[in-house]
Each structure stands twice: as structure tokens, then as C-alpha cells.
Amino acid sequence: MTKARSTGDKIFDSVNVVAMLILVFLTLYPFWFVLVGSLSSGVAYTRARGVYWWPVQVTLANFQVVFREPGILSAFWMTVYRAAAGTITHLIVTSLFAYAFSKRHLMGRSVYAMIGMITMFFSGGIIPGYLVRQYLGLLDTFWVLIIPAMINFWNVIIFRAFFAEIPDSIGESAKIDGAGEYRIFLQLIVPLSAAVFAAIALFTGVWHWNDFMQPLIFTTSSRFETLPLLLMRTIRTREAASGMATRAAGLGIAQDQINPLTIQMATMIVAVAPILLLYPFLQRYFVKGIMLGSIKG
């Protein structure tokens, strides 16, 4: 028998629904606003005033400018390479460390835990970090974007919690059959931990894709300019977007179809679209990995 809900419960649920709808709107509308601007004619968009719900004189000219800009394409592919290399190396190094860290017989385990916990709350700072990278010869190289991010102790904790749930008897049985630690890890532990690997891959890939501070501080060559860094410069300095609009004239794109503001918005869409397209395919692994990895502390 279903218990009748009180008036207070109904009011509470209604308030929650309204609050969630407002939160969803406040979260999605900024992205919709940028998408509308990127699909709008430049002149018509600047002439119109107020809140935009639909594109003004729909055009793809802004995206044509973006994709014909050599700097944006090279930055896009550099971001792809960085996200792929950074995610793969992070998964390898962090998971191996966490696997060893999950073993109770590991010597110095408490010391490693203390050092790792310190790095979660305290940093050496930008200047010491810059000097270390300079001493190691990493400045203005691709690897300065990869090596420092190979391990993250928070992700070590997530991996370790997941690995600790796997029965030791699985590894012991494999050892009886002659398997070594690396074979056990690759052929048994990794397949059983696909969910947490996918979750950490999503975390790390998104961070590498969105980060602009590392290339801004530690690189000077345009070869290592990533899409977020280029986007940051395009948004902060209208001269960059204005230069793109000027160069578009030589590509046969009508100037009344574009302006620096709509080009900036098109650049934003290009920057976030790959992550938005990838996330739905990894969402179930993301949720499952976090839930399973948090069962044990």
C-alpha cells in the first residue's frame, strides 16, 4: 500500500524540481549563447541587441575562418597529441605505482603515502618548477607538457582502492602457473579494472585538453601552442581575432559574415566540441569507476 504524500513533501519536491531546472538552464545557456553566436552573421549579430535564443542570419563563415587558419589547425592537432600521449603515459605510470602501492608487503609504504599526501596539498611553486624543468632540459619541448603530469597521487588513491578490492587469490593462482608480476598486472588486473582506467583516462584527458598554463609558462615556440592557449589569447586580445577576420578576406569570405566576436565564439566551440562528443561514450565508465573505486578507503 502506497503511503499518501503530505502537502509538505509535494511542496519540497516542487521546489527541488524548480531549483534543478534553474541550475540546468544556468549551466547550459552560456554554451548555447556561444553556439548561437558562432552560427550568426557577424554584422547582424552585433546589430542585434539583447538575449539571443536563435542564430541571427545563420552562416558557417565563422567556422570556415577557424578551420582555414593554419595556427588553429596546428594548435588543434598539438592538443590532440598532448591529450593522447599525456593520458596514455599517465595511465601507465600511475597504475603501476598504485598496483605496487596496493601491496601490504611493500617496504616504505607509509613513507610513500606521506610524501604523496604532501604533494596533494602543497606545491613547490611555479618558479622552482620552472627551474627544475630548465635544469632537466625540458623547457620548450613537447615532453615538458607530458612528464610532470605522468603521476597524480589522487588518481593513485583511486587506482589503489580499486586494486585492493581484487582478491589476492587471483594473483597467487597466476603465480603458481608461472606468471610474473607484469603478466599478472597486464593480463588480469588491467582487464578487471577497465572501469577505473576509463574514469582516470577521462579525468586526465580532459585536464590535458583544457590546460593552457603549462604551455604558456614552459614553452615559447609556436609549435607547442595548444588550442586552449590559442583560445585564451584570442579571447583576451581582440587583435588576434581581428587578424583572423582580416586574413579571411583573402580567402573569399565576405566581411559582413564575420567579426572578431563571432570568430571567438566559433573558436570556443571548436575547442570544447571534441570533449562533448567523447563524454557520452565514457560516461558509464566514469560513474562506475568512481563508485567502485570509492568503496574502500
C-alpha atoms as a PDB file:
ATOM      1  CA  MET A   1       0.000   0.000   0.000  1.00  0.00           C
ATOM      2  CA  THR A   2       1.406   3.337  -1.079  1.00  0.00           C
ATOM      3  CA  LYS A   3       1.571   5.928   1.642  1.00  0.00           C
ATOM      4  CA  ALA A   4      -0.119   9.209   0.762  1.00  0.00           C
ATOM      5  CA  ARG A   5       2.365  12.034   0.385  1.00  0.00           C
ATOM      6  CA  SER A   6       1.861  15.073   2.552  1.00  0.00           C
ATOM      7  CA  THR A   7       1.462  18.595   1.235  1.00  0.00           C
ATOM      8  CA  GLY A   8       4.872  19.479   2.633  1.00  0.00           C
ATOM      9  CA  ASP A   9       6.524  16.658   0.666  1.00  0.00           C
ATOM     10  CA  LYS A  10       4.862  17.812  -2.547  1.00  0.00           C
ATOM     11  CA  ILE A  11       5.989  21.396  -1.983  1.00  0.00           C
ATOM     12  CA  PHE A  12       9.513  20.226  -1.188  1.00  0.00           C
ATOM     13  CA  ASP A  13       9.670  18.143  -4.382  1.00  0.00           C
ATOM     14  CA  SER A  14       8.294  21.013  -6.454  1.00  0.00           C
ATOM     15  CA  VAL A  15      10.894  23.422  -5.085  1.00  0.00           C
ATOM     16  CA  ASN A  16      13.648  20.882  -5.830  1.00  0.00           C
ATOM     17  CA  VAL A  17      12.438  20.426  -9.413  1.00  0.00           C
ATOM     18  CA  VAL A  18      12.308  24.178  -9.997  1.00  0.00           C
ATOM     19  CA  ALA A  19      15.763  24.644  -8.466  1.00  0.00           C
ATOM     20  CA  MET A  20      17.224  21.867 -10.640  1.00  0.00           C
ATOM     21  CA  LEU A  21      15.634  23.323 -13.784  1.00  0.00           C
ATOM     22  CA  ILE A  22      17.116  26.735 -12.974  1.00  0.00           C
ATOM     23  CA  LEU A  23      20.521  25.145 -12.369  1.00  0.00           C
ATOM     24  CA  VAL A  24      20.340  23.251 -15.673  1.00  0.00           C
ATOM     25  CA  PHE A  25      19.406  26.448 -17.503  1.00  0.00           C
ATOM     26  CA  LEU A  26      22.240  28.429 -15.905  1.00  0.00           C
ATOM     27  CA  THR A  27      24.659  25.647 -16.845  1.00  0.00           C
ATOM     28  CA  LEU A  28      23.562  25.118 -20.451  1.00  0.00           C
ATOM     29  CA  TYR A  29      22.629  28.608 -21.600  1.00  0.00           C
ATOM     30  CA  PRO A  30      26.204  30.015 -21.691  1.00  0.00           C
ATOM     31  CA  PHE A  31      27.179  27.205 -24.062  1.00  0.00           C
ATOM     32  CA  TRP A  32      24.022  27.768 -26.127  1.00  0.00           C
ATOM     33  CA  PHE A  33      24.774  31.506 -26.239  1.00  0.00           C
ATOM     34  CA  VAL A  34      28.251  30.830 -27.635  1.00  0.00           C
ATOM     35  CA  LEU A  35      26.887  28.311 -30.155  1.00  0.00           C
ATOM     36  CA  VAL A  36      24.263  30.817 -31.344  1.00  0.00           C
ATOM     37  CA  GLY A  37      26.930  33.490 -31.800  1.00  0.00           C
ATOM     38  CA  SER A  38      29.225  31.149 -33.715  1.00  0.00           C
ATOM     39  CA  LEU A  39      26.439  30.375 -36.200  1.00  0.00           C
ATOM     40  CA  SER A  40      25.354  34.005 -36.633  1.00  0.00           C
ATOM     41  CA  SER A  41      26.334  36.534 -39.268  1.00  0.00           C
ATOM     42  CA  GLY A  42      28.890  38.900 -37.772  1.00  0.00           C
ATOM     43  CA  VAL A  43      27.268  42.204 -38.755  1.00  0.00           C
ATOM     44  CA  ALA A  44      23.729  41.059 -37.942  1.00  0.00           C
ATOM     45  CA  TYR A  45      24.866  39.680 -34.598  1.00  0.00           C
ATOM     46  CA  THR A  46      26.457  42.944 -33.497  1.00  0.00           C
ATOM     47  CA  ARG A  47      23.479  44.992 -34.668  1.00  0.00           C
ATOM     48  CA  ALA A  48      21.000  42.882 -32.744  1.00  0.00           C
ATOM     49  CA  ARG A  49      20.814  43.528 -29.023  1.00  0.00           C
ATOM     50  CA  GLY A  50      19.526  41.624 -26.032  1.00  0.00           C
ATOM     51  CA  VAL A  51      19.381  37.928 -25.207  1.00  0.00           C
ATOM     52  CA  TYR A  52      19.963  35.548 -28.118  1.00  0.00           C
ATOM     53  CA  TRP A  53      17.917  32.386 -28.363  1.00  0.00           C
ATOM     54  CA  TRP A  54      18.492  31.555 -32.033  1.00  0.00           C
ATOM     55  CA  PRO A  55      21.221  32.373 -34.567  1.00  0.00           C
ATOM     56  CA  VAL A  56      20.888  35.669 -36.433  1.00  0.00           C
ATOM     57  CA  GLN A  57      21.204  35.049 -40.192  1.00  0.00           C
ATOM     58  CA  VAL A  58      22.660  31.553 -39.929  1.00  0.00           C
ATOM     59  CA  THR A  59      26.094  31.145 -41.512  1.00  0.00           C
ATOM     60  CA  LEU A  60      29.106  28.848 -41.256  1.00  0.00           C
ATOM     61  CA  ALA A  61      31.531  31.599 -42.242  1.00  0.00           C
ATOM     62  CA  ASN A  62      32.957  31.843 -38.714  1.00  0.00           C
ATOM     63  CA  PHE A  63      33.853  28.153 -38.728  1.00  0.00           C
ATOM     64  CA  GLN A  64      35.333  28.498 -42.214  1.00  0.00           C
ATOM     65  CA  VAL A  65      37.656  31.165 -40.848  1.00  0.00           C
ATOM     66  CA  VAL A  66      38.615  28.964 -37.897  1.00  0.00           C
ATOM     67  CA  PHE A  67      39.358  25.849 -39.936  1.00  0.00           C
ATOM     68  CA  ARG A  68      41.274  27.770 -42.596  1.00  0.00           C
ATOM     69  CA  GLU A  69      43.507  29.417 -40.007  1.00  0.00           C
ATOM     70  CA  PRO A  70      46.817  27.478 -40.005  1.00  0.00           C
ATOM     71  CA  GLY A  71      47.571  28.363 -36.391  1.00  0.00           C
ATOM     72  CA  ILE A  72      44.300  26.908 -35.142  1.00  0.00           C
ATOM     73  CA  LEU A  73      44.688  23.628 -37.007  1.00  0.00           C
ATOM     74  CA  SER A  74      48.246  23.126 -35.760  1.00  0.00           C
ATOM     75  CA  ALA A  75      47.141  24.009 -32.215  1.00  0.00           C
ATOM     76  CA  PHE A  76      44.239  21.561 -32.506  1.00  0.00           C
ATOM     77  CA  TRP A  77      46.491  18.667 -33.528  1.00  0.00           C
ATOM     78  CA  MET A  78      49.060  19.571 -30.868  1.00  0.00           C
ATOM     79  CA  THR A  79      46.258  19.408 -28.294  1.00  0.00           C
ATOM     80  CA  VAL A  80      45.180  16.016 -29.629  1.00  0.00           C
ATOM     81  CA  TYR A  81      48.752  14.692 -29.434  1.00  0.00           C
ATOM     82  CA  ARG A  82      49.204  16.088 -25.952  1.00  0.00           C
ATOM     83  CA  ALA A  83      45.920  14.670 -24.653  1.00  0.00           C
ATOM     84  CA  ALA A  84      46.616  11.242 -26.163  1.00  0.00           C
ATOM     85  CA  ALA A  85      50.258  10.996 -25.055  1.00  0.00           C
ATOM     86  CA  GLY A  86      49.554  12.528 -21.655  1.00  0.00           C
ATOM     87  CA  THR A  87      46.645  10.196 -20.941  1.00  0.00           C
ATOM     88  CA  ILE A  88      48.468   7.034 -22.031  1.00  0.00           C
ATOM     89  CA  THR A  89      51.653   7.786 -20.084  1.00  0.00           C
ATOM     90  CA  HIS A  90      49.646   8.842 -17.026  1.00  0.00           C
ATOM     91  CA  LEU A  91      47.663   5.605 -17.023  1.00  0.00           C
ATOM     92  CA  ILE A  92      50.825   3.515 -17.347  1.00  0.00           C
ATOM     93  CA  VAL A  93      52.886   5.244 -14.648  1.00  0.00           C
ATOM     94  CA  THR A  94      50.082   5.929 -12.174  1.00  0.00           C
ATOM     95  CA  SER A  95      48.508   2.477 -12.413  1.00  0.00           C
ATOM     96  CA  LEU A  96      51.852   0.700 -11.975  1.00  0.00           C
ATOM     97  CA  PHE A  97      52.678   2.827  -8.937  1.00  0.00           C
ATOM     98  CA  ALA A  98      49.211   2.242  -7.482  1.00  0.00           C
ATOM     99  CA  TYR A  99      49.462  -1.509  -8.081  1.00  0.00           C
ATOM    100  CA  ALA A 100      52.714  -1.687  -6.132  1.00  0.00           C
ATOM    101  CA  PHE A 101      51.282   0.684  -3.525  1.00  0.00           C
ATOM    102  CA  SER A 102      48.288  -1.630  -3.007  1.00  0.00           C
ATOM    103  CA  LYS A 103      50.564  -4.438  -1.778  1.00  0.00           C
ATOM    104  CA  ARG A 104      50.739  -4.599   2.009  1.00  0.00           C
ATOM    105  CA  HIS A 105      54.256  -6.040   1.988  1.00  0.00           C
ATOM    106  CA  LEU A 106      55.702  -3.047   0.087  1.00  0.00           C
ATOM    107  CA  MET A 107      58.645  -1.657   2.059  1.00  0.00           C
ATOM    108  CA  GLY A 108      58.313   2.016   2.960  1.00  0.00           C
ATOM    109  CA  ARG A 109      54.636   2.070   2.060  1.00  0.00           C
ATOM    110  CA  SER A 110      53.737   4.548   4.799  1.00  0.00           C
ATOM    111  CA  VAL A 111      56.592   6.848   3.756  1.00  0.00           C
ATOM    112  CA  TYR A 112      55.408   6.873   0.149  1.00  0.00           C
ATOM    113  CA  ALA A 113      51.881   7.588   1.348  1.00  0.00           C
ATOM    114  CA  MET A 114      53.041  10.536   3.453  1.00  0.00           C
ATOM    115  CA  ILE A 115      55.102  12.018   0.604  1.00  0.00           C
ATOM    116  CA  GLY A 116      52.219  11.575  -1.807  1.00  0.00           C
ATOM    117  CA  MET A 117      49.724  13.190   0.558  1.00  0.00           C
ATOM    118  CA  ILE A 118      52.010  16.206   0.963  1.00  0.00           C
ATOM    119  CA  THR A 119      52.080  16.737  -2.806  1.00  0.00           C
ATOM    120  CA  MET A 120      48.275  16.798  -2.847  1.00  0.00           C
ATOM    121  CA  PHE A 121      48.142  19.859  -0.605  1.00  0.00           C
ATOM    122  CA  PHE A 122      51.443  21.658  -1.150  1.00  0.00           C
ATOM    123  CA  SER A 123      53.334  22.616  -4.283  1.00  0.00           C
ATOM    124  CA  GLY A 124      56.871  23.811  -4.824  1.00  0.00           C
ATOM    125  CA  GLY A 125      55.548  26.792  -6.771  1.00  0.00           C
ATOM    126  CA  ILE A 126      55.889  27.998 -10.334  1.00  0.00           C
ATOM    127  CA  ILE A 127      59.428  29.400 -10.081  1.00  0.00           C
ATOM    128  CA  PRO A 128      61.018  26.274  -8.511  1.00  0.00           C
ATOM    129  CA  GLY A 129      59.084  24.161 -11.003  1.00  0.00           C
ATOM    130  CA  TYR A 130      60.380  26.291 -13.852  1.00  0.00           C
ATOM    131  CA  LEU A 131      63.970  25.981 -12.602  1.00  0.00           C
ATOM    132  CA  VAL A 132      63.683  22.196 -12.269  1.00  0.00           C
ATOM    133  CA  ARG A 133      62.378  21.885 -15.818  1.00  0.00           C
ATOM    134  CA  GLN A 134      65.143  24.183 -17.036  1.00  0.00           C
ATOM    135  CA  TYR A 135      67.810  22.108 -15.261  1.00  0.00           C
ATOM    136  CA  LEU A 136      66.410  18.919 -16.813  1.00  0.00           C
ATOM    137  CA  GLY A 137      66.393  20.460 -20.288  1.00  0.00           C
ATOM    138  CA  LEU A 138      62.633  20.138 -20.689  1.00  0.00           C
ATOM    139  CA  LEU A 139      61.789  23.775 -21.401  1.00  0.00           C
ATOM    140  CA  ASP A 140      60.285  24.425 -24.815  1.00  0.00           C
ATOM    141  CA  THR A 141      59.906  20.723 -25.597  1.00  0.00           C
ATOM    142  CA  PHE A 142      56.840  18.534 -26.052  1.00  0.00           C
ATOM    143  CA  TRP A 143      57.796  16.440 -23.024  1.00  0.00           C
ATOM    144  CA  VAL A 144      57.540  19.370 -20.635  1.00  0.00           C
ATOM    145  CA  LEU A 145      53.778  19.002 -21.142  1.00  0.00           C
ATOM    146  CA  ILE A 146      53.828  15.242 -20.523  1.00  0.00           C
ATOM    147  CA  ILE A 147      56.442  14.150 -17.966  1.00  0.00           C
ATOM    148  CA  PRO A 148      55.382  16.333 -14.976  1.00  0.00           C
ATOM    149  CA  ALA A 149      51.805  15.059 -15.352  1.00  0.00           C
ATOM    150  CA  MET A 150      52.672  11.362 -15.529  1.00  0.00           C
ATOM    151  CA  ILE A 151      51.561  10.762 -11.952  1.00  0.00           C
ATOM    152  CA  ASN A 152      48.892  12.245  -9.730  1.00  0.00           C
ATOM    153  CA  PHE A 153      48.555  10.965  -6.189  1.00  0.00           C
ATOM    154  CA  TRP A 154      44.803  11.488  -6.087  1.00  0.00           C
ATOM    155  CA  ASN A 155      44.482   9.123  -9.043  1.00  0.00           C
ATOM    156  CA  VAL A 156      46.898   6.765  -7.300  1.00  0.00           C
ATOM    157  CA  ILE A 157      44.444   6.602  -4.398  1.00  0.00           C
ATOM    158  CA  ILE A 158      41.552   5.806  -6.749  1.00  0.00           C
ATOM    159  CA  PHE A 159      43.545   3.076  -8.507  1.00  0.00           C
ATOM    160  CA  ARG A 160      44.795   1.667  -5.214  1.00  0.00           C
ATOM    161  CA  ALA A 161      41.270   1.476  -3.752  1.00  0.00           C
ATOM    162  CA  PHE A 162      40.128  -0.415  -6.830  1.00  0.00           C
ATOM    163  CA  PHE A 163      43.103  -2.789  -6.926  1.00  0.00           C
ATOM    164  CA  ALA A 164      42.702  -3.537  -3.213  1.00  0.00           C
ATOM    165  CA  GLU A 165      39.247  -4.994  -3.909  1.00  0.00           C
ATOM    166  CA  ILE A 166      40.646  -7.621  -6.277  1.00  0.00           C
ATOM    167  CA  PRO A 167      41.228 -10.853  -4.299  1.00  0.00           C
ATOM    168  CA  ASP A 168      44.866 -11.755  -3.725  1.00  0.00           C
ATOM    169  CA  SER A 169      43.995 -15.344  -4.648  1.00  0.00           C
ATOM    170  CA  ILE A 170      43.770 -14.334  -8.320  1.00  0.00           C
ATOM    171  CA  GLY A 171      47.391 -13.231  -8.405  1.00  0.00           C
ATOM    172  CA  GLU A 172      48.545 -16.161  -6.280  1.00  0.00           C
ATOM    173  CA  SER A 173      46.891 -18.643  -8.639  1.00  0.00           C
ATOM    174  CA  ALA A 174      48.601 -16.989 -11.594  1.00  0.00           C
ATOM    175  CA  LYS A 175      51.973 -17.171  -9.828  1.00  0.00           C
ATOM    176  CA  ILE A 176      51.505 -20.921  -9.355  1.00  0.00           C
ATOM    177  CA  ASP A 177      51.088 -21.169 -13.130  1.00  0.00           C
ATOM    178  CA  GLY A 178      54.371 -19.309 -13.599  1.00  0.00           C
ATOM    179  CA  ALA A 179      53.118 -15.770 -14.234  1.00  0.00           C
ATOM    180  CA  GLY A 180      55.229 -12.829 -13.113  1.00  0.00           C
ATOM    181  CA  GLU A 181      54.020  -9.539 -11.665  1.00  0.00           C
ATOM    182  CA  TYR A 182      53.936  -7.727 -15.002  1.00  0.00           C
ATOM    183  CA  ARG A 183      51.963 -10.532 -16.649  1.00  0.00           C
ATOM    184  CA  ILE A 184      49.533 -10.620 -13.726  1.00  0.00           C
ATOM    185  CA  PHE A 185      49.064  -6.884 -13.968  1.00  0.00           C
ATOM    186  CA  LEU A 186      48.590  -6.762 -17.748  1.00  0.00           C
ATOM    187  CA  GLN A 187      46.501  -9.896 -18.249  1.00  0.00           C
ATOM    188  CA  LEU A 188      44.479  -9.988 -15.024  1.00  0.00           C
ATOM    189  CA  ILE A 189      44.441  -6.693 -13.147  1.00  0.00           C
ATOM    190  CA  VAL A 190      44.016  -4.351 -16.125  1.00  0.00           C
ATOM    191  CA  PRO A 191      41.039  -6.219 -17.679  1.00  0.00           C
ATOM    192  CA  LEU A 192      39.325  -6.410 -14.289  1.00  0.00           C
ATOM    193  CA  SER A 193      39.876  -2.672 -13.790  1.00  0.00           C
ATOM    194  CA  ALA A 194      38.605  -1.384 -17.144  1.00  0.00           C
ATOM    195  CA  ALA A 195      36.042   0.879 -15.479  1.00  0.00           C
ATOM    196  CA  VAL A 196      38.520   2.742 -13.291  1.00  0.00           C
ATOM    197  CA  PHE A 197      41.003   3.005 -16.174  1.00  0.00           C
ATOM    198  CA  ALA A 198      38.289   4.645 -18.288  1.00  0.00           C
ATOM    199  CA  ALA A 199      37.405   7.035 -15.463  1.00  0.00           C
ATOM    200  CA  ILE A 200      41.013   8.115 -14.914  1.00  0.00           C
ATOM    201  CA  ALA A 201      41.521   8.395 -18.676  1.00  0.00           C
ATOM    202  CA  LEU A 202      38.563  10.780 -18.830  1.00  0.00           C
ATOM    203  CA  PHE A 203      39.884  12.866 -15.922  1.00  0.00           C
ATOM    204  CA  THR A 204      43.379  13.074 -17.376  1.00  0.00           C
ATOM    205  CA  GLY A 205      42.346  13.595 -20.985  1.00  0.00           C
ATOM    206  CA  VAL A 206      40.033  16.472 -20.093  1.00  0.00           C
ATOM    207  CA  TRP A 207      42.749  18.096 -17.980  1.00  0.00           C
ATOM    208  CA  HIS A 208      45.323  17.873 -20.779  1.00  0.00           C
ATOM    209  CA  TRP A 209      42.781  19.156 -23.293  1.00  0.00           C
ATOM    210  CA  ASN A 210      41.734  22.166 -21.212  1.00  0.00           C
ATOM    211  CA  ASP A 211      45.073  23.166 -19.677  1.00  0.00           C
ATOM    212  CA  PHE A 212      46.800  26.247 -21.045  1.00  0.00           C
ATOM    213  CA  MET A 213      49.048  27.175 -18.115  1.00  0.00           C
ATOM    214  CA  GLN A 214      51.758  24.583 -18.853  1.00  0.00           C
ATOM    215  CA  PRO A 215      52.385  25.615 -22.489  1.00  0.00           C
ATOM    216  CA  LEU A 216      52.005  29.280 -21.526  1.00  0.00           C
ATOM    217  CA  ILE A 217      54.722  29.127 -18.856  1.00  0.00           C
ATOM    218  CA  PHE A 218      57.086  26.415 -20.052  1.00  0.00           C
ATOM    219  CA  THR A 219      57.098  26.781 -23.859  1.00  0.00           C
ATOM    220  CA  THR A 220      57.854  29.663 -26.194  1.00  0.00           C
ATOM    221  CA  SER A 221      57.748  28.018 -29.623  1.00  0.00           C
ATOM    222  CA  SER A 222      54.515  28.248 -31.597  1.00  0.00           C
ATOM    223  CA  ARG A 223      54.946  24.538 -32.404  1.00  0.00           C
ATOM    224  CA  PHE A 224      53.782  23.674 -28.897  1.00  0.00           C
ATOM    225  CA  GLU A 225      50.869  26.102 -28.778  1.00  0.00           C
ATOM    226  CA  THR A 226      47.735  24.202 -27.806  1.00  0.00           C
ATOM    227  CA  LEU A 227      44.141  25.036 -28.620  1.00  0.00           C
ATOM    228  CA  PRO A 228      43.240  26.244 -25.086  1.00  0.00           C
ATOM    229  CA  LEU A 229      46.266  28.571 -25.114  1.00  0.00           C
ATOM    230  CA  LEU A 230      45.316  29.928 -28.529  1.00  0.00           C
ATOM    231  CA  LEU A 231      41.711  30.286 -27.375  1.00  0.00           C
ATOM    232  CA  MET A 232      42.811  32.174 -24.267  1.00  0.00           C
ATOM    233  CA  ARG A 233      44.848  34.598 -26.351  1.00  0.00           C
ATOM    234  CA  THR A 234      42.021  35.016 -28.870  1.00  0.00           C
ATOM    235  CA  ILE A 235      39.536  35.841 -26.113  1.00  0.00           C
ATOM    236  CA  ARG A 236      41.831  38.134 -24.115  1.00  0.00           C
ATOM    237  CA  THR A 237      43.151  40.062 -27.117  1.00  0.00           C
ATOM    238  CA  ARG A 238      40.658  41.017 -29.796  1.00  0.00           C
ATOM    239  CA  GLU A 239      43.618  41.768 -32.064  1.00  0.00           C
ATOM    240  CA  ALA A 240      44.109  38.023 -32.580  1.00  0.00           C
ATOM    241  CA  ALA A 241      40.520  37.516 -33.712  1.00  0.00           C
ATOM    242  CA  SER A 242      40.665  40.729 -35.754  1.00  0.00           C
ATOM    243  CA  GLY A 243      43.736  39.405 -37.559  1.00  0.00           C
ATOM    244  CA  MET A 244      41.866  36.204 -38.377  1.00  0.00           C
ATOM    245  CA  ALA A 245      38.978  38.248 -39.761  1.00  0.00           C
ATOM    246  CA  THR A 246      41.360  40.307 -41.894  1.00  0.00           C
ATOM    247  CA  ARG A 247      43.052  37.210 -43.305  1.00  0.00           C
ATOM    248  CA  ALA A 248      39.628  35.757 -44.099  1.00  0.00           C
ATOM    249  CA  ALA A 249      39.131  38.494 -46.708  1.00  0.00           C
ATOM    250  CA  GLY A 250      41.845  36.886 -48.804  1.00  0.00           C
ATOM    251  CA  LEU A 251      40.016  33.559 -48.611  1.00  0.00           C
ATOM    252  CA  GLY A 252      36.906  34.904 -50.305  1.00  0.00           C
ATOM    253  CA  ILE A 253      34.804  35.107 -47.126  1.00  0.00           C
ATOM    254  CA  ALA A 254      32.501  38.128 -47.044  1.00  0.00           C
ATOM    255  CA  GLN A 255      33.426  40.531 -44.255  1.00  0.00           C
ATOM    256  CA  ASP A 256      29.792  41.139 -43.338  1.00  0.00           C
ATOM    257  CA  GLN A 257      29.501  37.453 -42.374  1.00  0.00           C
ATOM    258  CA  ILE A 258      32.157  37.599 -39.671  1.00  0.00           C
ATOM    259  CA  ASN A 259      33.567  39.769 -36.923  1.00  0.00           C
ATOM    260  CA  PRO A 260      36.089  39.186 -34.109  1.00  0.00           C
ATOM    261  CA  LEU A 261      33.379  38.333 -31.557  1.00  0.00           C
ATOM    262  CA  THR A 262      31.690  35.618 -33.622  1.00  0.00           C
ATOM    263  CA  ILE A 263      35.100  34.212 -34.591  1.00  0.00           C
ATOM    264  CA  GLN A 264      35.985  33.983 -30.896  1.00  0.00           C
ATOM    265  CA  MET A 265      32.777  32.050 -30.267  1.00  0.00           C
ATOM    266  CA  ALA A 266      33.452  29.669 -33.151  1.00  0.00           C
ATOM    267  CA  THR A 267      36.921  29.034 -31.724  1.00  0.00           C
ATOM    268  CA  MET A 268      35.362  28.192 -28.345  1.00  0.00           C
ATOM    269  CA  ILE A 269      33.027  25.664 -29.949  1.00  0.00           C
ATOM    270  CA  VAL A 270      35.901  24.004 -31.805  1.00  0.00           C
ATOM    271  CA  ALA A 271      37.825  23.768 -28.517  1.00  0.00           C
ATOM    272  CA  VAL A 272      35.073  22.122 -26.461  1.00  0.00           C
ATOM    273  CA  ALA A 273      33.307  20.032 -29.128  1.00  0.00           C
ATOM    274  CA  PRO A 274      35.676  17.001 -29.043  1.00  0.00           C
ATOM    275  CA  ILE A 275      35.271  16.579 -25.284  1.00  0.00           C
ATOM    276  CA  LEU A 276      31.487  16.950 -25.503  1.00  0.00           C
ATOM    277  CA  LEU A 277      31.330  14.344 -28.263  1.00  0.00           C
ATOM    278  CA  LEU A 278      33.551  11.895 -26.379  1.00  0.00           C
ATOM    279  CA  TYR A 279      31.974  12.199 -22.928  1.00  0.00           C
ATOM    280  CA  PRO A 280      28.681  10.307 -23.637  1.00  0.00           C
ATOM    281  CA  PHE A 281      30.647   7.212 -24.650  1.00  0.00           C
ATOM    282  CA  LEU A 282      32.724   7.249 -21.446  1.00  0.00           C
ATOM    283  CA  GLN A 283      30.030   8.400 -19.030  1.00  0.00           C
ATOM    284  CA  ARG A 284      29.010   4.918 -17.862  1.00  0.00           C
ATOM    285  CA  TYR A 285      32.652   4.001 -17.217  1.00  0.00           C
ATOM    286  CA  PHE A 286      33.159   7.326 -15.459  1.00  0.00           C
ATOM    287  CA  VAL A 287      30.322   6.758 -12.974  1.00  0.00           C
ATOM    288  CA  LYS A 288      31.087   3.066 -12.463  1.00  0.00           C
ATOM    289  CA  GLY A 289      34.788   3.657 -11.985  1.00  0.00           C
ATOM    290  CA  ILE A 290      34.307   6.344  -9.356  1.00  0.00           C
ATOM    291  CA  MET A 291      31.720   4.334  -7.421  1.00  0.00           C
ATOM    292  CA  LEU A 292      33.766   1.129  -7.408  1.00  0.00           C
ATOM    293  CA  GLY A 293      36.981   2.952  -6.621  1.00  0.00           C
ATOM    294  CA  SER A 294      35.439   4.636  -3.594  1.00  0.00           C
ATOM    295  CA  ILE A 295      34.127   1.533  -1.832  1.00  0.00           C
ATOM    296  CA  LYS A 296      37.362   1.062   0.079  1.00  0.00           C
ATOM    297  CA  GLY A 297      39.263   3.900   1.683  1.00  0.00           C
END
